C-alpha atoms as a PDB file:
ATOM      1  CA  UNK A   1      -2.645  11.647  20.904  1.00  0.00           C
ATOM      2  CA  UNK A   2      -1.070  15.037  20.192  1.00  0.00           C
ATOM      3  CA  UNK A   3       0.749  15.858  16.981  1.00  0.00           C
ATOM      4  CA  UNK A   4       3.288  18.508  16.272  1.00  0.00           C
ATOM      5  CA  UNK A   5       2.683  20.943  13.502  1.00  0.00           C
ATOM      6  CA  UNK A   6       3.438  19.536  10.164  1.00  0.00           C
ATOM      7  CA  UNK A   7       6.922  20.325   8.835  1.00  0.00           C
ATOM      8  CA  UNK A   8       8.848  18.927   5.955  1.00  0.00           C
ATOM      9  CA  UNK A   9      11.700  16.513   6.315  1.00  0.00           C
ATOM     10  CA  UNK A  10      10.629  14.895   9.608  1.00  0.00           C
ATOM     11  CA  UNK A  11       9.676  11.378   8.383  1.00  0.00           C
ATOM     12  CA  UNK A  12      11.830   8.533   7.388  1.00  0.00           C
ATOM     13  CA  UNK A  13       9.194   6.426   5.473  1.00  0.00           C
ATOM     14  CA  UNK A  14       5.935   6.897   3.532  1.00  0.00           C
ATOM     15  CA  UNK A  15       3.820   3.782   3.557  1.00  0.00           C
ATOM     16  CA  UNK A  16       1.061   3.954   0.976  1.00  0.00           C
ATOM     17  CA  UNK A  17      -1.786   1.483   0.842  1.00  0.00           C
ATOM     18  CA  UNK A  18      -3.664   1.740  -2.430  1.00  0.00           C
ATOM     19  CA  UNK A  19      -7.431   1.476  -2.949  1.00  0.00           C
ATOM     20  CA  UNK A  20     -10.518   3.387  -3.836  1.00  0.00           C
ATOM     21  CA  UNK A  21     -12.324   5.559  -1.281  1.00  0.00           C
ATOM     22  CA  UNK A  22     -16.028   5.090  -0.509  1.00  0.00           C
ATOM     23  CA  UNK A  23     -18.108   2.413   1.082  1.00  0.00           C
ATOM     24  CA  UNK A  24     -19.031   0.815  -2.180  1.00  0.00           C
ATOM     25  CA  UNK A  25     -15.466  -0.232  -2.643  1.00  0.00           C
ATOM     26  CA  UNK A  26     -14.799  -1.616   0.792  1.00  0.00           C
ATOM     27  CA  UNK A  27     -13.465  -5.199   0.821  1.00  0.00           C
ATOM     28  CA  UNK A  28     -13.033  -5.357  -2.942  1.00  0.00           C
ATOM     29  CA  UNK A  29      -9.900  -6.834  -4.459  1.00  0.00           C
ATOM     30  CA  UNK A  30      -8.574  -3.477  -5.567  1.00  0.00           C
ATOM     31  CA  UNK A  31      -8.686  -2.216  -1.886  1.00  0.00           C
ATOM     32  CA  UNK A  32      -6.164  -4.778  -0.562  1.00  0.00           C
ATOM     33  CA  UNK A  33      -3.706  -1.935   0.074  1.00  0.00           C
ATOM     34  CA  UNK A  34      -6.242  -0.070   2.160  1.00  0.00           C
ATOM     35  CA  UNK A  35      -6.919  -3.198   4.186  1.00  0.00           C
ATOM     36  CA  UNK A  36      -3.169  -3.635   4.882  1.00  0.00           C
ATOM     37  CA  UNK A  37      -2.922   0.089   5.821  1.00  0.00           C
ATOM     38  CA  UNK A  38      -5.746  -0.346   8.265  1.00  0.00           C
ATOM     39  CA  UNK A  39      -3.942  -3.300   9.849  1.00  0.00           C
ATOM     40  CA  UNK A  40      -0.795  -1.177  10.254  1.00  0.00           C
ATOM     41  CA  UNK A  41      -2.965   1.609  11.769  1.00  0.00           C
ATOM     42  CA  UNK A  42      -4.399  -0.818  14.362  1.00  0.00           C
ATOM     43  CA  UNK A  43      -1.078  -2.565  15.075  1.00  0.00           C
ATOM     44  CA  UNK A  44       0.966   0.529  15.563  1.00  0.00           C
ATOM     45  CA  UNK A  45      -1.651   2.879  16.909  1.00  0.00           C
ATOM     46  CA  UNK A  46      -1.473   5.208  13.945  1.00  0.00           C
ATOM     47  CA  UNK A  47      -4.753   7.192  13.335  1.00  0.00           C
ATOM     48  CA  UNK A  48      -5.736   8.433   9.908  1.00  0.00           C
ATOM     49  CA  UNK A  49      -6.487  11.837  11.392  1.00  0.00           C
ATOM     50  CA  UNK A  50      -5.257  14.160   8.661  1.00  0.00           C
ATOM     51  CA  UNK A  51      -6.978  14.871   5.359  1.00  0.00           C
ATOM     52  CA  UNK A  52      -4.712  16.861   3.021  1.00  0.00           C
ATOM     53  CA  UNK A  53      -2.635  16.312  -0.163  1.00  0.00           C
ATOM     54  CA  UNK A  54      -5.552  14.260  -1.608  1.00  0.00           C
ATOM     55  CA  UNK A  55      -4.999  11.663   1.077  1.00  0.00           C
ATOM     56  CA  UNK A  56      -6.119  10.363   4.438  1.00  0.00           C
ATOM     57  CA  UNK A  57      -2.914   9.874   6.515  1.00  0.00           C
ATOM     58  CA  UNK A  58      -1.411   9.650  10.008  1.00  0.00           C
ATOM     59  CA  UNK A  59       1.967   9.489  11.559  1.00  0.00           C
ATOM     60  CA  UNK A  60       3.619   7.233  14.081  1.00  0.00           C
ATOM     61  CA  UNK A  61       6.609   5.068  14.767  1.00  0.00           C
ATOM     62  CA  UNK A  62       7.480   1.649  13.347  1.00  0.00           C
ATOM     63  CA  UNK A  63      10.783  -0.080  14.226  1.00  0.00           C
ATOM     64  CA  UNK A  64      12.095   3.164  15.744  1.00  0.00           C
ATOM     65  CA  UNK A  65      11.442   5.129  12.480  1.00  0.00           C
ATOM     66  CA  UNK A  66       8.927   8.006  12.217  1.00  0.00           C
ATOM     67  CA  UNK A  67       6.536   7.102   9.425  1.00  0.00           C
ATOM     68  CA  UNK A  68       3.520   8.338   7.432  1.00  0.00           C
ATOM     69  CA  UNK A  69       0.791   5.794   6.648  1.00  0.00           C
ATOM     70  CA  UNK A  70      -1.246   6.968   3.668  1.00  0.00           C
ATOM     71  CA  UNK A  71      -4.467   6.106   1.931  1.00  0.00           C
ATOM     72  CA  UNK A  72      -4.782   8.144  -1.327  1.00  0.00           C
ATOM     73  CA  UNK A  73      -8.278   9.498  -1.837  1.00  0.00           C
ATOM     74  CA  UNK A  74      -8.060  10.096  -5.586  1.00  0.00           C
ATOM     75  CA  UNK A  75      -9.189   6.702  -6.734  1.00  0.00           C
ATOM     76  CA  UNK A  76      -6.769   4.057  -7.734  1.00  0.00           C
ATOM     77  CA  UNK A  77      -5.674   5.310 -11.136  1.00  0.00           C
ATOM     78  CA  UNK A  78      -4.467   8.646  -9.723  1.00  0.00           C
ATOM     79  CA  UNK A  79      -2.834   7.240  -6.620  1.00  0.00           C
ATOM     80  CA  UNK A  80       0.461   9.059  -7.524  1.00  0.00           C
ATOM     81  CA  UNK A  81      -1.069  12.472  -6.878  1.00  0.00           C
ATOM     82  CA  UNK A  82      -1.240  12.009  -3.147  1.00  0.00           C
ATOM     83  CA  UNK A  83       2.063  10.072  -2.918  1.00  0.00           C
ATOM     84  CA  UNK A  84       3.916  12.712  -4.968  1.00  0.00           C
ATOM     85  CA  UNK A  85       2.526  15.645  -2.925  1.00  0.00           C
ATOM     86  CA  UNK A  86       3.322  14.055   0.455  1.00  0.00           C
ATOM     87  CA  UNK A  87       6.766  12.861  -0.593  1.00  0.00           C
ATOM     88  CA  UNK A  88       7.633  16.324  -1.874  1.00  0.00           C
ATOM     89  CA  UNK A  89       6.322  18.147   1.227  1.00  0.00           C
ATOM     90  CA  UNK A  90       7.930  15.805   3.715  1.00  0.00           C
ATOM     91  CA  UNK A  91      11.128  15.297   1.628  1.00  0.00           C
ATOM     92  CA  UNK A  92      10.791  11.512   1.541  1.00  0.00           C
ATOM     93  CA  UNK A  93      12.793   9.880  -1.274  1.00  0.00           C
ATOM     94  CA  UNK A  94      11.321   7.212  -3.505  1.00  0.00           C
ATOM     95  CA  UNK A  95      13.581   4.586  -1.934  1.00  0.00           C
ATOM     96  CA  UNK A  96      11.810   5.200   1.422  1.00  0.00           C
ATOM     97  CA  UNK A  97       8.313   4.936  -0.028  1.00  0.00           C
ATOM     98  CA  UNK A  98       6.658   1.516   0.460  1.00  0.00           C
ATOM     99  CA  UNK A  99       3.598   0.846  -1.665  1.00  0.00           C
ATOM    100  CA  UNK A 100       1.126  -1.882  -0.840  1.00  0.00           C
ATOM    101  CA  UNK A 101      -1.287  -2.923  -3.664  1.00  0.00           C
ATOM    102  CA  UNK A 102      -3.395  -5.773  -4.986  1.00  0.00           C
ATOM    103  CA  UNK A 103      -1.868  -8.107  -7.545  1.00  0.00           C
ATOM    104  CA  UNK A 104      -3.942 -10.343  -9.888  1.00  0.00           C
ATOM    105  CA  UNK A 105      -0.929 -12.536 -10.833  1.00  0.00           C
ATOM    106  CA  UNK A 106      -0.685 -13.834  -7.243  1.00  0.00           C
ATOM    107  CA  UNK A 107      -3.026 -16.310  -5.567  1.00  0.00           C
ATOM    108  CA  UNK A 108      -5.043 -15.112  -2.645  1.00  0.00           C
ATOM    109  CA  UNK A 109      -3.012 -15.566   0.500  1.00  0.00           C
ATOM    110  CA  UNK A 110       0.332 -14.809  -1.107  1.00  0.00           C
ATOM    111  CA  UNK A 111       2.420 -11.673  -1.016  1.00  0.00           C
ATOM    112  CA  UNK A 112       5.479 -10.688  -3.026  1.00  0.00           C
ATOM    113  CA  UNK A 113       8.059  -7.994  -2.160  1.00  0.00           C
ATOM    114  CA  UNK A 114      10.039  -6.100  -4.770  1.00  0.00           C
ATOM    115  CA  UNK A 115      12.584  -3.269  -4.339  1.00  0.00           C
ATOM    116  CA  UNK A 116      11.851  -1.780  -7.759  1.00  0.00           C
ATOM    117  CA  UNK A 117      10.486  -2.584 -11.191  1.00  0.00           C
ATOM    118  CA  UNK A 118       7.634  -1.832 -13.637  1.00  0.00           C
ATOM    119  CA  UNK A 119       3.978  -1.496 -12.507  1.00  0.00           C
ATOM    120  CA  UNK A 120       3.074  -4.891 -13.909  1.00  0.00           C
ATOM    121  CA  UNK A 121      -0.164  -3.405 -15.182  1.00  0.00           C
ATOM    122  CA  UNK A 122      -1.254  -2.130 -11.643  1.00  0.00           C
ATOM    123  CA  UNK A 123      -2.536   1.355 -12.592  1.00  0.00           C
ATOM    124  CA  UNK A 124      -2.098   2.947  -9.181  1.00  0.00           C
ATOM    125  CA  UNK A 125       1.464   1.949  -9.050  1.00  0.00           C
ATOM    126  CA  UNK A 126       1.983   2.983 -12.652  1.00  0.00           C
ATOM    127  CA  UNK A 127       0.731   6.512 -11.721  1.00  0.00           C
ATOM    128  CA  UNK A 128       3.092   6.678  -8.752  1.00  0.00           C
ATOM    129  CA  UNK A 129       6.017   5.612 -11.038  1.00  0.00           C
ATOM    130  CA  UNK A 130       5.054   8.186 -13.560  1.00  0.00           C
ATOM    131  CA  UNK A 131       4.743  11.139 -11.205  1.00  0.00           C
ATOM    132  CA  UNK A 132       7.798  10.281  -9.198  1.00  0.00           C
ATOM    133  CA  UNK A 133       9.816   9.613 -12.342  1.00  0.00           C
ATOM    134  CA  UNK A 134      11.384   6.397 -11.111  1.00  0.00           C
ATOM    135  CA  UNK A 135      10.658   2.650 -10.914  1.00  0.00           C
ATOM    136  CA  UNK A 136      12.911   2.335  -7.842  1.00  0.00           C
ATOM    137  CA  UNK A 137      10.053   2.269  -5.368  1.00  0.00           C
ATOM    138  CA  UNK A 138       9.755  -0.696  -2.964  1.00  0.00           C
ATOM    139  CA  UNK A 139       6.393  -2.396  -3.142  1.00  0.00           C
ATOM    140  CA  UNK A 140       4.434  -5.216  -1.560  1.00  0.00           C
ATOM    141  CA  UNK A 141       2.100  -7.051  -3.815  1.00  0.00           C
ATOM    142  CA  UNK A 142      -0.993  -8.657  -2.175  1.00  0.00           C
ATOM    143  CA  UNK A 143      -2.395 -11.549  -4.175  1.00  0.00           C
ATOM    144  CA  UNK A 144      -6.134 -11.331  -5.103  1.00  0.00           C
ATOM    145  CA  UNK A 145      -6.119 -14.098  -7.723  1.00  0.00           C
ATOM    146  CA  UNK A 146      -6.437 -14.041 -11.432  1.00  0.00           C
ATOM    147  CA  UNK A 147      -9.787 -13.501 -13.297  1.00  0.00           C
ATOM    148  CA  UNK A 148     -11.613 -16.787 -13.968  1.00  0.00           C
ATOM    149  CA  UNK A 149     -11.303 -16.636 -17.733  1.00  0.00           C
ATOM    150  CA  UNK A 150      -9.616 -14.399 -20.334  1.00  0.00           C
ATOM    151  CA  UNK A 151     -12.896 -12.760 -21.418  1.00  0.00           C
ATOM    152  CA  UNK A 152     -13.826 -11.720 -17.961  1.00  0.00           C
ATOM    153  CA  UNK A 153     -13.648  -7.916 -17.597  1.00  0.00           C
ATOM    154  CA  UNK A 154     -10.592  -6.894 -15.475  1.00  0.00           C
ATOM    155  CA  UNK A 155     -12.322  -3.847 -14.015  1.00  0.00           C
ATOM    156  CA  UNK A 156     -15.208  -5.995 -12.833  1.00  0.00           C
ATOM    157  CA  UNK A 157     -12.787  -8.590 -11.383  1.00  0.00           C
ATOM    158  CA  UNK A 158     -10.717  -6.067  -9.272  1.00  0.00           C
ATOM    159  CA  UNK A 159     -13.828  -4.201  -8.120  1.00  0.00           C
ATOM    160  CA  UNK A 160     -15.408  -7.548  -7.053  1.00  0.00           C
ATOM    161  CA  UNK A 161     -15.247  -8.781  -3.496  1.00  0.00           C
ATOM    162  CA  UNK A 162     -13.112 -11.623  -2.182  1.00  0.00           C
ATOM    163  CA  UNK A 163     -15.475 -14.628  -1.752  1.00  0.00           C
ATOM    164  CA  UNK A 164     -16.228 -15.925   1.757  1.00  0.00           C
ATOM    165  CA  UNK A 165     -14.185 -19.035   1.315  1.00  0.00           C
ATOM    166  CA  UNK A 166     -11.077 -16.968   0.591  1.00  0.00           C
ATOM    167  CA  UNK A 167     -11.471 -14.300   3.315  1.00  0.00           C
ATOM    168  CA  UNK A 168      -9.214 -16.014   5.847  1.00  0.00           C
ATOM    169  CA  UNK A 169      -6.359 -16.306   3.291  1.00  0.00           C
ATOM    170  CA  UNK A 170      -6.890 -12.744   2.118  1.00  0.00           C
ATOM    171  CA  UNK A 171      -6.809 -11.355   5.611  1.00  0.00           C
ATOM    172  CA  UNK A 172      -3.640 -13.334   6.293  1.00  0.00           C
ATOM    173  CA  UNK A 173      -1.890 -11.916   3.237  1.00  0.00           C
ATOM    174  CA  UNK A 174      -2.826  -8.384   4.306  1.00  0.00           C
ATOM    175  CA  UNK A 175      -1.518  -9.081   7.785  1.00  0.00           C
ATOM    176  CA  UNK A 176       1.665 -10.417   6.316  1.00  0.00           C
ATOM    177  CA  UNK A 177       2.003  -7.310   4.112  1.00  0.00           C
ATOM    178  CA  UNK A 178       1.814  -5.164   7.319  1.00  0.00           C
ATOM    179  CA  UNK A 179       4.432  -7.375   9.001  1.00  0.00           C
ATOM    180  CA  UNK A 180       6.618  -7.060   5.926  1.00  0.00           C
ATOM    181  CA  UNK A 181       6.524  -3.258   6.198  1.00  0.00           C
ATOM    182  CA  UNK A 182       7.778  -3.470   9.769  1.00  0.00           C
ATOM    183  CA  UNK A 183      10.466  -5.931   8.641  1.00  0.00           C
ATOM    184  CA  UNK A 184      11.626  -3.686   5.847  1.00  0.00           C
ATOM    185  CA  UNK A 185      11.941  -0.721   8.263  1.00  0.00           C
ATOM    186  CA  UNK A 186      13.588  -2.708  11.022  1.00  0.00           C
ATOM    187  CA  UNK A 187      15.851  -5.165   9.173  1.00  0.00           C
ATOM    188  CA  UNK A 188      15.791  -4.269   5.531  1.00  0.00           C
ATOM    189  CA  UNK A 189      14.055  -5.414   2.375  1.00  0.00           C
ATOM    190  CA  UNK A 190      16.139  -8.509   1.873  1.00  0.00           C
ATOM    191  CA  UNK A 191      15.066  -9.828   5.247  1.00  0.00           C
ATOM    192  CA  UNK A 192      11.411  -9.042   4.434  1.00  0.00           C
ATOM    193  CA  UNK A 193      11.720 -10.914   1.124  1.00  0.00           C
ATOM    194  CA  UNK A 194      13.173 -13.962   2.761  1.00  0.00           C
ATOM    195  CA  UNK A 195      10.432 -14.054   5.385  1.00  0.00           C
ATOM    196  CA  UNK A 196       7.365 -13.049   3.484  1.00  0.00           C
ATOM    197  CA  UNK A 197       7.722 -13.446  -0.303  1.00  0.00           C
ATOM    198  CA  UNK A 198       6.059 -16.793  -0.928  1.00  0.00           C
END
């Protein structure tokens, strides 16, 4: 696949899957966004063949729109660095940025779509909101389940792996997140909410 030279303003959407880079973080709860981004990559033949702006990313077409699919490489808490740099370079407004991230308030297997709002405590999304200066950023929350008891350390929980008995439901939710991205681009966020927010 050949790519034209990078130039600003040529993309309609930026799709950011949040997670932590490195093999030790693969398949952890916090990497749900990376898993969904990989599904989009496979489904739409978009290769992560560029490494710039503190991100791995690639470009392709979804629903007739030219898109960037991005995996920030700054670790979760600084996800906004890559998103802000890419959105500025390619002139993509916040309303055309779709963020996919883990959510501990949703059960495994569930996703929820929002057109805007606070971070809800998700630090990667919080950093994106801070650096872009707006909460009006569409997002897809991927359920990873709540920690087993209040005293359980949240960092240990989100950096833990989805247990084997929940893997099927987790993969389904990541696949639905990928489908929801296509639905948002093709038919709008209301349609995606009606179909996929459970």
